[in-house]
PDB file of N, CA and C in Angstrom:
ATOM      1  N   MET A   1     136.505 195.098 144.703  1.00  0.00           N
ATOM      2  CA  MET A   1     135.665 194.575 143.649  1.00  0.00           C
ATOM      3  C   MET A   1     136.058 195.206 142.313  1.00  0.00           C
ATOM      4  N   ALA A   2     136.317 194.381 141.351  1.00  0.00           N
ATOM      5  CA  ALA A   2     136.751 194.856 140.038  1.00  0.00           C
ATOM      6  C   ALA A   2     135.552 195.290 139.201  1.00  0.00           C
ATOM      7  N   PHE A   3     135.780 196.277 138.363  1.00  0.00           N
ATOM      8  CA  PHE A   3     134.767 196.675 137.399  1.00  0.00           C
ATOM      9  C   PHE A   3     134.787 195.685 136.240  1.00  0.00           C
ATOM     10  N   LYS A   4     133.666 195.549 135.573  1.00  0.00           N
ATOM     11  CA  LYS A   4     133.534 194.605 134.465  1.00  0.00           C
ATOM     12  C   LYS A   4     134.586 194.858 133.371  1.00  0.00           C
ATOM     13  N   PHE A   5     134.830 196.127 133.068  1.00  0.00           N
ATOM     14  CA  PHE A   5     135.759 196.452 131.979  1.00  0.00           C
ATOM     15  C   PHE A   5     137.190 196.014 132.275  1.00  0.00           C
ATOM     16  N   GLU A   6     137.550 195.888 133.535  1.00  0.00           N
ATOM     17  CA  GLU A   6     138.915 195.498 133.892  1.00  0.00           C
ATOM     18  C   GLU A   6     139.264 194.098 133.405  1.00  0.00           C
ATOM     19  N   ASN A   7     138.269 193.280 133.177  1.00  0.00           N
ATOM     20  CA  ASN A   7     138.489 191.918 132.690  1.00  0.00           C
ATOM     21  C   ASN A   7     138.551 191.831 131.171  1.00  0.00           C
ATOM     22  N   LEU A   8     138.252 192.917 130.491  1.00  0.00           N
ATOM     23  CA  LEU A   8     138.256 192.906 129.025  1.00  0.00           C
ATOM     24  C   LEU A   8     139.679 193.067 128.494  1.00  0.00           C
ATOM     25  N   LEU A   9     140.087 192.150 127.652  1.00  0.00           N
ATOM     26  CA  LEU A   9     141.426 192.213 127.063  1.00  0.00           C
ATOM     27  C   LEU A   9     141.602 193.492 126.243  1.00  0.00           C
ATOM     28  N   VAL A  10     140.562 193.907 125.550  1.00  0.00           N
ATOM     29  CA  VAL A  10     140.654 195.120 124.734  1.00  0.00           C
ATOM     30  C   VAL A  10     140.916 196.344 125.616  1.00  0.00           C
ATOM     31  N   TRP A  11     140.310 196.380 126.794  1.00  0.00           N
ATOM     32  CA  TRP A  11     140.555 197.494 127.713  1.00  0.00           C
ATOM     33  C   TRP A  11     141.985 197.447 128.237  1.00  0.00           C
ATOM     34  N   GLN A  12     142.470 196.261 128.569  1.00  0.00           N
ATOM     35  CA  GLN A  12     143.840 196.104 129.051  1.00  0.00           C
ATOM     36  C   GLN A  12     144.850 196.538 127.992  1.00  0.00           C
ATOM     37  N   LYS A  13     144.588 196.157 126.735  1.00  0.00           N
ATOM     38  CA  LYS A  13     145.482 196.551 125.639  1.00  0.00           C
ATOM     39  C   LYS A  13     145.422 198.063 125.408  1.00  0.00           C
ATOM     40  N   ALA A  14     144.236 198.629 125.543  1.00  0.00           N
ATOM     41  CA  ALA A  14     144.094 200.076 125.387  1.00  0.00           C
ATOM     42  C   ALA A  14     144.858 200.814 126.476  1.00  0.00           C
ATOM     43  N   LEU A  15     144.839 200.263 127.677  1.00  0.00           N
ATOM     44  CA  LEU A  15     145.603 200.854 128.772  1.00  0.00           C
ATOM     45  C   LEU A  15     147.103 200.784 128.484  1.00  0.00           C
ATOM     46  N   ASP A  16     147.541 199.677 127.893  1.00  0.00           N
ATOM     47  CA  ASP A  16     148.944 199.574 127.462  1.00  0.00           C
ATOM     48  C   ASP A  16     149.270 200.643 126.421  1.00  0.00           C
ATOM     49  N   LEU A  17     148.312 200.901 125.522  1.00  0.00           N
ATOM     50  CA  LEU A  17     148.519 201.920 124.496  1.00  0.00           C
ATOM     51  C   LEU A  17     148.749 203.287 125.123  1.00  0.00           C
ATOM     52  N   THR A  18     147.972 203.636 126.138  1.00  0.00           N
ATOM     53  CA  THR A  18     148.167 204.941 126.776  1.00  0.00           C
ATOM     54  C   THR A  18     149.555 205.051 127.399  1.00  0.00           C
ATOM     55  N   ASP A  19     150.021 203.948 127.988  1.00  0.00           N
ATOM     56  CA  ASP A  19     151.376 203.949 128.551  1.00  0.00           C
ATOM     57  C   ASP A  19     152.424 204.173 127.467  1.00  0.00           C
ATOM     58  N   GLU A  20     152.264 203.470 126.352  1.00  0.00           N
ATOM     59  CA  GLU A  20     153.223 203.593 125.244  1.00  0.00           C
ATOM     60  C   GLU A  20     153.213 205.010 124.660  1.00  0.00           C
ATOM     61  N   VAL A  21     152.032 205.563 124.469  1.00  0.00           N
ATOM     62  CA  VAL A  21     151.921 206.922 123.927  1.00  0.00           C
ATOM     63  C   VAL A  21     152.536 207.923 124.894  1.00  0.00           C
ATOM     64  N   ASN A  22     152.300 207.744 126.171  1.00  0.00           N
ATOM     65  CA  ASN A  22     152.875 208.647 127.160  1.00  0.00           C
ATOM     66  C   ASN A  22     154.399 208.609 127.128  1.00  0.00           C
ATOM     67  N   LEU A  23     154.971 207.413 127.084  1.00  0.00           N
ATOM     68  CA  LEU A  23     156.429 207.294 127.001  1.00  0.00           C
ATOM     69  C   LEU A  23     156.973 207.886 125.705  1.00  0.00           C
ATOM     70  N   LEU A  24     156.298 207.600 124.626  1.00  0.00           N
ATOM     71  CA  LEU A  24     156.726 208.108 123.323  1.00  0.00           C
ATOM     72  C   LEU A  24     156.742 209.631 123.300  1.00  0.00           C
ATOM     73  N   THR A  25     155.675 210.235 123.793  1.00  0.00           N
ATOM     74  CA  THR A  25     155.604 211.698 123.754  1.00  0.00           C
ATOM     75  C   THR A  25     156.598 212.341 124.720  1.00  0.00           C
ATOM     76  N   LYS A  26     156.827 211.711 125.860  1.00  0.00           N
ATOM     77  CA  LYS A  26     157.802 212.254 126.823  1.00  0.00           C
ATOM     78  C   LYS A  26     159.220 212.192 126.283  1.00  0.00           C
ATOM     79  N   ASN A  27     159.544 211.094 125.613  1.00  0.00           N
ATOM     80  CA  ASN A  27     160.927 210.857 125.211  1.00  0.00           C
ATOM     81  C   ASN A  27     161.281 211.322 123.809  1.00  0.00           C
ATOM     82  N   HIS A  28     160.294 211.514 122.945  1.00  0.00           N
ATOM     83  CA  HIS A  28     160.633 211.780 121.546  1.00  0.00           C
ATOM     84  C   HIS A  28     159.964 213.000 120.928  1.00  0.00           C
ATOM     85  N   PHE A  29     158.910 213.496 121.539  1.00  0.00           N
ATOM     86  CA  PHE A  29     158.228 214.643 120.940  1.00  0.00           C
ATOM     87  C   PHE A  29     158.856 215.938 121.445  1.00  0.00           C
ATOM     88  N   PRO A  30     159.083 216.893 120.558  1.00  0.00           N
ATOM     89  CA  PRO A  30     159.704 218.158 120.966  1.00  0.00           C
ATOM     90  C   PRO A  30     158.738 219.027 121.778  1.00  0.00           C
ATOM     91  N   LYS A  31     159.300 219.918 122.541  1.00  0.00           N
ATOM     92  CA  LYS A  31     158.503 220.797 123.407  1.00  0.00           C
ATOM     93  C   LYS A  31     157.548 221.684 122.609  1.00  0.00           C
ATOM     94  N   ASP A  32     157.928 222.058 121.387  1.00  0.00           N
ATOM     95  CA  ASP A  32     157.046 222.931 120.611  1.00  0.00           C
ATOM     96  C   ASP A  32     155.781 222.211 120.125  1.00  0.00           C
ATOM     97  N   GLU A  33     155.715 220.899 120.296  1.00  0.00           N
ATOM     98  CA  GLU A  33     154.515 220.137 119.962  1.00  0.00           C
ATOM     99  C   GLU A  33     153.649 219.856 121.193  1.00  0.00           C
ATOM    100  N   LEU A  34     154.075 220.344 122.366  1.00  0.00           N
ATOM    101  CA  LEU A  34     153.402 220.008 123.617  1.00  0.00           C
ATOM    102  C   LEU A  34     151.913 220.338 123.598  1.00  0.00           C
ATOM    103  N   LEU A  35     151.551 221.504 123.136  1.00  0.00           N
ATOM    104  CA  LEU A  35     150.148 221.910 123.128  1.00  0.00           C
ATOM    105  C   LEU A  35     149.451 221.574 121.816  1.00  0.00           C
ATOM    106  N   ILE A  36     150.151 220.917 120.924  1.00  0.00           N
ATOM    107  CA  ILE A  36     149.559 220.600 119.623  1.00  0.00           C
ATOM    108  C   ILE A  36     149.438 219.083 119.506  1.00  0.00           C
ATOM    109  N   LEU A  37     150.392 218.463 118.867  1.00  0.00           N
ATOM    110  CA  LEU A  37     150.306 217.044 118.567  1.00  0.00           C
ATOM    111  C   LEU A  37     150.426 216.169 119.815  1.00  0.00           C
ATOM    112  N   THR A  38     151.283 216.543 120.743  1.00  0.00           N
ATOM    113  CA  THR A  38     151.444 215.754 121.967  1.00  0.00           C
ATOM    114  C   THR A  38     150.129 215.675 122.729  1.00  0.00           C
ATOM    115  N   SER A  39     149.499 216.793 122.915  1.00  0.00           N
ATOM    116  CA  SER A  39     148.225 216.835 123.625  1.00  0.00           C
ATOM    117  C   SER A  39     147.161 216.017 122.899  1.00  0.00           C
ATOM    118  N   GLN A  40     147.092 216.155 121.597  1.00  0.00           N
ATOM    119  CA  GLN A  40     146.076 215.468 120.808  1.00  0.00           C
ATOM    120  C   GLN A  40     146.234 213.949 120.866  1.00  0.00           C
ATOM    121  N   ILE A  41     147.442 213.463 120.682  1.00  0.00           N
ATOM    122  CA  ILE A  41     147.645 212.015 120.668  1.00  0.00           C
ATOM    123  C   ILE A  41     147.410 211.410 122.054  1.00  0.00           C
ATOM    124  N   LYS A  42     147.792 212.129 123.103  1.00  0.00           N
ATOM    125  CA  LYS A  42     147.565 211.621 124.452  1.00  0.00           C
ATOM    126  C   LYS A  42     146.080 211.585 124.781  1.00  0.00           C
ATOM    127  N   ARG A  43     145.341 212.614 124.386  1.00  0.00           N
ATOM    128  CA  ARG A  43     143.899 212.635 124.645  1.00  0.00           C
ATOM    129  C   ARG A  43     143.191 211.544 123.846  1.00  0.00           C
ATOM    130  N   ALA A  44     143.628 211.316 122.616  1.00  0.00           N
ATOM    131  CA  ALA A  44     143.015 210.269 121.792  1.00  0.00           C
ATOM    132  C   ALA A  44     143.270 208.883 122.395  1.00  0.00           C
ATOM    133  N   ALA A  45     144.491 208.636 122.834  1.00  0.00           N
ATOM    134  CA  ALA A  45     144.817 207.335 123.439  1.00  0.00           C
ATOM    135  C   ALA A  45     144.030 207.128 124.731  1.00  0.00           C
ATOM    136  N   ASP A  46     143.937 208.165 125.537  1.00  0.00           N
ATOM    137  CA  ASP A  46     143.149 208.062 126.772  1.00  0.00           C
ATOM    138  C   ASP A  46     141.676 207.819 126.463  1.00  0.00           C
ATOM    139  N   SER A  47     141.194 208.419 125.404  1.00  0.00           N
ATOM    140  CA  SER A  47     139.792 208.274 125.019  1.00  0.00           C
ATOM    141  C   SER A  47     139.439 206.835 124.670  1.00  0.00           C
ATOM    142  N   VAL A  48     140.374 206.100 124.109  1.00  0.00           N
ATOM    143  CA  VAL A  48     140.131 204.684 123.804  1.00  0.00           C
ATOM    144  C   VAL A  48     139.776 203.946 125.092  1.00  0.00           C
ATOM    145  N   VAL A  49     140.603 204.110 126.106  1.00  0.00           N
ATOM    146  CA  VAL A  49     140.398 203.444 127.397  1.00  0.00           C
ATOM    147  C   VAL A  49     139.105 203.911 128.060  1.00  0.00           C
ATOM    148  N   LEU A  50     138.909 205.208 128.077  1.00  0.00           N
ATOM    149  CA  LEU A  50     137.760 205.774 128.783  1.00  0.00           C
ATOM    150  C   LEU A  50     136.430 205.372 128.153  1.00  0.00           C
ATOM    151  N   ASN A  51     136.367 205.338 126.834  1.00  0.00           N
ATOM    152  CA  ASN A  51     135.119 204.959 126.179  1.00  0.00           C
ATOM    153  C   ASN A  51     134.778 203.490 126.385  1.00  0.00           C
ATOM    154  N   ILE A  52     135.773 202.636 126.385  1.00  0.00           N
ATOM    155  CA  ILE A  52     135.512 201.219 126.673  1.00  0.00           C
ATOM    156  C   ILE A  52     134.956 201.072 128.089  1.00  0.00           C
ATOM    157  N   ALA A  53     135.585 201.733 129.040  1.00  0.00           N
ATOM    158  CA  ALA A  53     135.140 201.645 130.432  1.00  0.00           C
ATOM    159  C   ALA A  53     133.734 202.216 130.601  1.00  0.00           C
ATOM    160  N   GLU A  54     133.505 203.384 130.033  1.00  0.00           N
ATOM    161  CA  GLU A  54     132.197 204.027 130.190  1.00  0.00           C
ATOM    162  C   GLU A  54     131.088 203.212 129.531  1.00  0.00           C
ATOM    163  N   GLY A  55     131.348 202.691 128.355  1.00  0.00           N
ATOM    164  CA  GLY A  55     130.333 201.932 127.642  1.00  0.00           C
ATOM    165  C   GLY A  55     130.037 200.585 128.255  1.00  0.00           C
ATOM    166  N   CYS A  56     131.007 200.012 128.917  1.00  0.00           N
ATOM    167  CA  CYS A  56     130.872 198.669 129.494  1.00  0.00           C
ATOM    168  C   CYS A  56     130.094 198.662 130.792  1.00  0.00           C
ATOM    169  N   THR A  57     130.148 199.726 131.517  1.00  0.00           N
ATOM    170  CA  THR A  57     129.604 199.752 132.865  1.00  0.00           C
ATOM    171  C   THR A  57     128.134 200.160 132.864  1.00  0.00           C
ATOM    172  N   GLY A  58     127.273 199.189 133.121  1.00  0.00           N
ATOM    173  CA  GLY A  58     125.853 199.456 133.283  1.00  0.00           C
ATOM    174  C   GLY A  58     125.108 199.843 132.020  1.00  0.00           C
ATOM    175  N   GLN A  59     125.632 199.489 130.871  1.00  0.00           N
ATOM    176  CA  GLN A  59     124.997 199.859 129.609  1.00  0.00           C
ATOM    177  C   GLN A  59     124.448 198.615 128.916  1.00  0.00           C
ATOM    178  N   THR A  60     123.522 198.829 128.007  1.00  0.00           N
ATOM    179  CA  THR A  60     123.018 197.734 127.188  1.00  0.00           C
ATOM    180  C   THR A  60     124.051 197.402 126.119  1.00  0.00           C
ATOM    181  N   ASN A  61     123.926 196.239 125.512  1.00  0.00           N
ATOM    182  CA  ASN A  61     124.870 195.849 124.454  1.00  0.00           C
ATOM    183  C   ASN A  61     124.887 196.832 123.288  1.00  0.00           C
ATOM    184  N   PRO A  62     123.733 197.322 122.795  1.00  0.00           N
ATOM    185  CA  PRO A  62     123.786 198.311 121.706  1.00  0.00           C
ATOM    186  C   PRO A  62     124.518 199.598 122.099  1.00  0.00           C
ATOM    187  N   ILE A  63     124.323 200.049 123.328  1.00  0.00           N
ATOM    188  CA  ILE A  63     125.022 201.260 123.779  1.00  0.00           C
ATOM    189  C   ILE A  63     126.512 200.977 123.914  1.00  0.00           C
ATOM    190  N   PHE A  64     126.860 199.814 124.466  1.00  0.00           N
ATOM    191  CA  PHE A  64     128.268 199.434 124.575  1.00  0.00           C
ATOM    192  C   PHE A  64     128.910 199.395 123.194  1.00  0.00           C
ATOM    193  N   LYS A  65     128.181 198.877 122.207  1.00  0.00           N
ATOM    194  CA  LYS A  65     128.696 198.834 120.837  1.00  0.00           C
ATOM    195  C   LYS A  65     128.994 200.242 120.329  1.00  0.00           C
ATOM    196  N   ASN A  66     128.131 201.199 120.640  1.00  0.00           N
ATOM    197  CA  ASN A  66     128.393 202.585 120.251  1.00  0.00           C
ATOM    198  C   ASN A  66     129.688 203.101 120.873  1.00  0.00           C
ATOM    199  N   PHE A  67     129.874 202.811 122.153  1.00  0.00           N
ATOM    200  CA  PHE A  67     131.087 203.260 122.830  1.00  0.00           C
ATOM    201  C   PHE A  67     132.333 202.586 122.256  1.00  0.00           C
ATOM    202  N   LEU A  68     132.201 201.325 121.854  1.00  0.00           N
ATOM    203  CA  LEU A  68     133.331 200.657 121.201  1.00  0.00           C
ATOM    204  C   LEU A  68     133.661 201.342 119.878  1.00  0.00           C
ATOM    205  N   GLY A  69     132.628 201.806 119.198  1.00  0.00           N
ATOM    206  CA  GLY A  69     132.859 202.573 117.964  1.00  0.00           C
ATOM    207  C   GLY A  69     133.613 203.861 118.230  1.00  0.00           C
ATOM    208  N   TYR A  70     133.249 204.548 119.315  1.00  0.00           N
ATOM    209  CA  TYR A  70     133.983 205.767 119.691  1.00  0.00           C
ATOM    210  C   TYR A  70     135.442 205.438 119.987  1.00  0.00           C
ATOM    211  N   SER A  71     135.648 204.321 120.678  1.00  0.00           N
ATOM    212  CA  SER A  71     137.012 203.893 120.996  1.00  0.00           C
ATOM    213  C   SER A  71     137.814 203.600 119.742  1.00  0.00           C
ATOM    214  N   LEU A  72     137.174 202.920 118.809  1.00  0.00           N
ATOM    215  CA  LEU A  72     137.850 202.610 117.547  1.00  0.00           C
ATOM    216  C   LEU A  72     138.241 203.885 116.816  1.00  0.00           C
ATOM    217  N   ARG A  73     137.336 204.845 116.773  1.00  0.00           N
ATOM    218  CA  ARG A  73     137.664 206.109 116.098  1.00  0.00           C
ATOM    219  C   ARG A  73     138.801 206.840 116.806  1.00  0.00           C
ATOM    220  N   SER A  74     138.834 206.763 118.125  1.00  0.00           N
ATOM    221  CA  SER A  74     139.943 207.376 118.860  1.00  0.00           C
ATOM    222  C   SER A  74     141.259 206.663 118.575  1.00  0.00           C
ATOM    223  N   ALA A  75     141.200 205.338 118.451  1.00  0.00           N
ATOM    224  CA  ALA A  75     142.411 204.576 118.111  1.00  0.00           C
ATOM    225  C   ALA A  75     142.912 204.958 116.720  1.00  0.00           C
ATOM    226  N   ILE A  76     141.993 205.159 115.798  1.00  0.00           N
ATOM    227  CA  ILE A  76     142.377 205.600 114.451  1.00  0.00           C
ATOM    228  C   ILE A  76     142.994 206.992 114.508  1.00  0.00           C
ATOM    229  N   GLU A  77     142.489 207.835 115.393  1.00  0.00           N
ATOM    230  CA  GLU A  77     143.067 209.163 115.585  1.00  0.00           C
ATOM    231  C   GLU A  77     144.508 209.065 116.087  1.00  0.00           C
ATOM    232  N   VAL A  78     144.782 208.120 116.984  1.00  0.00           N
ATOM    233  CA  VAL A  78     146.153 207.898 117.455  1.00  0.00           C
ATOM    234  C   VAL A  78     147.049 207.540 116.277  1.00  0.00           C
ATOM    235  N   VAL A  79     146.586 206.642 115.433  1.00  0.00           N
ATOM    236  CA  VAL A  79     147.371 206.237 114.258  1.00  0.00           C
ATOM    237  C   VAL A  79     147.625 207.446 113.350  1.00  0.00           C
ATOM    238  N   ALA A  80     146.593 208.243 113.121  1.00  0.00           N
ATOM    239  CA  ALA A  80     146.762 209.431 112.281  1.00  0.00           C
ATOM    240  C   ALA A  80     147.775 210.397 112.882  1.00  0.00           C
ATOM    241  N   CYS A  81     147.741 210.556 114.195  1.00  0.00           N
ATOM    242  CA  CYS A  81     148.725 211.414 114.871  1.00  0.00           C
ATOM    243  C   CYS A  81     150.144 210.884 114.676  1.00  0.00           C
ATOM    244  N   LEU A  82     150.287 209.570 114.707  1.00  0.00           N
ATOM    245  CA  LEU A  82     151.611 208.979 114.486  1.00  0.00           C
ATOM    246  C   LEU A  82     152.102 209.240 113.065  1.00  0.00           C
ATOM    247  N   PHE A  83     151.202 209.202 112.103  1.00  0.00           N
ATOM    248  CA  PHE A  83     151.580 209.540 110.729  1.00  0.00           C
ATOM    249  C   PHE A  83     152.009 210.998 110.614  1.00  0.00           C
ATOM    250  N   ILE A  84     151.292 211.876 111.301  1.00  0.00           N
ATOM    251  CA  ILE A  84     151.669 213.290 111.303  1.00  0.00           C
ATOM    252  C   ILE A  84     153.050 213.458 111.937  1.00  0.00           C
ATOM    253  N   ALA A  85     153.275 212.784 113.050  1.00  0.00           N
ATOM    254  CA  ALA A  85     154.583 212.869 113.717  1.00  0.00           C
ATOM    255  C   ALA A  85     155.688 212.383 112.790  1.00  0.00           C
ATOM    256  N   LYS A  86     155.424 211.326 112.070  1.00  0.00           N
ATOM    257  CA  LYS A  86     156.429 210.804 111.131  1.00  0.00           C
ATOM    258  C   LYS A  86     156.730 211.842 110.044  1.00  0.00           C
ATOM    259  N   ARG A  87     155.681 212.484 109.529  1.00  0.00           N
ATOM    260  CA  ARG A  87     155.874 213.519 108.516  1.00  0.00           C
ATOM    261  C   ARG A  87     156.679 214.700 109.042  1.00  0.00           C
ATOM    262  N   ARG A  88     156.542 214.947 110.339  1.00  0.00           N
ATOM    263  CA  ARG A  88     157.266 216.063 110.971  1.00  0.00           C
ATOM    264  C   ARG A  88     158.638 215.622 111.480  1.00  0.00           C
ATOM    265  N   ASN A  89     159.031 214.415 111.122  1.00  0.00           N
ATOM    266  CA  ASN A  89     160.335 213.858 111.509  1.00  0.00           C
ATOM    267  C   ASN A  89     160.519 213.780 113.022  1.00  0.00           C
ATOM    268  N   ILE A  90     159.456 213.426 113.711  1.00  0.00           N
ATOM    269  CA  ILE A  90     159.533 213.255 115.166  1.00  0.00           C
ATOM    270  C   ILE A  90     159.828 211.805 115.437  1.00  0.00           C
TER     271      ILE A  90
END
């Protein structure tokens, strides 16, 4: 039996984002960023997926909306991390 969030396109796209971030950090981020930027961007990308799933399951629409807001802020954090990586020539 599938969970409700599994049918959401936004959740599926967020899951794709975590895969992309994982590949990017494995293949392009230096080891000295492992506990700094690598960890932060991976946690932020995972948070997008997790908040959508948590908010969707058994919650009211207003609560789900709050969780979507958390997801959006985490997605913005991923973007900010990418800007930092660019500045650091990663």
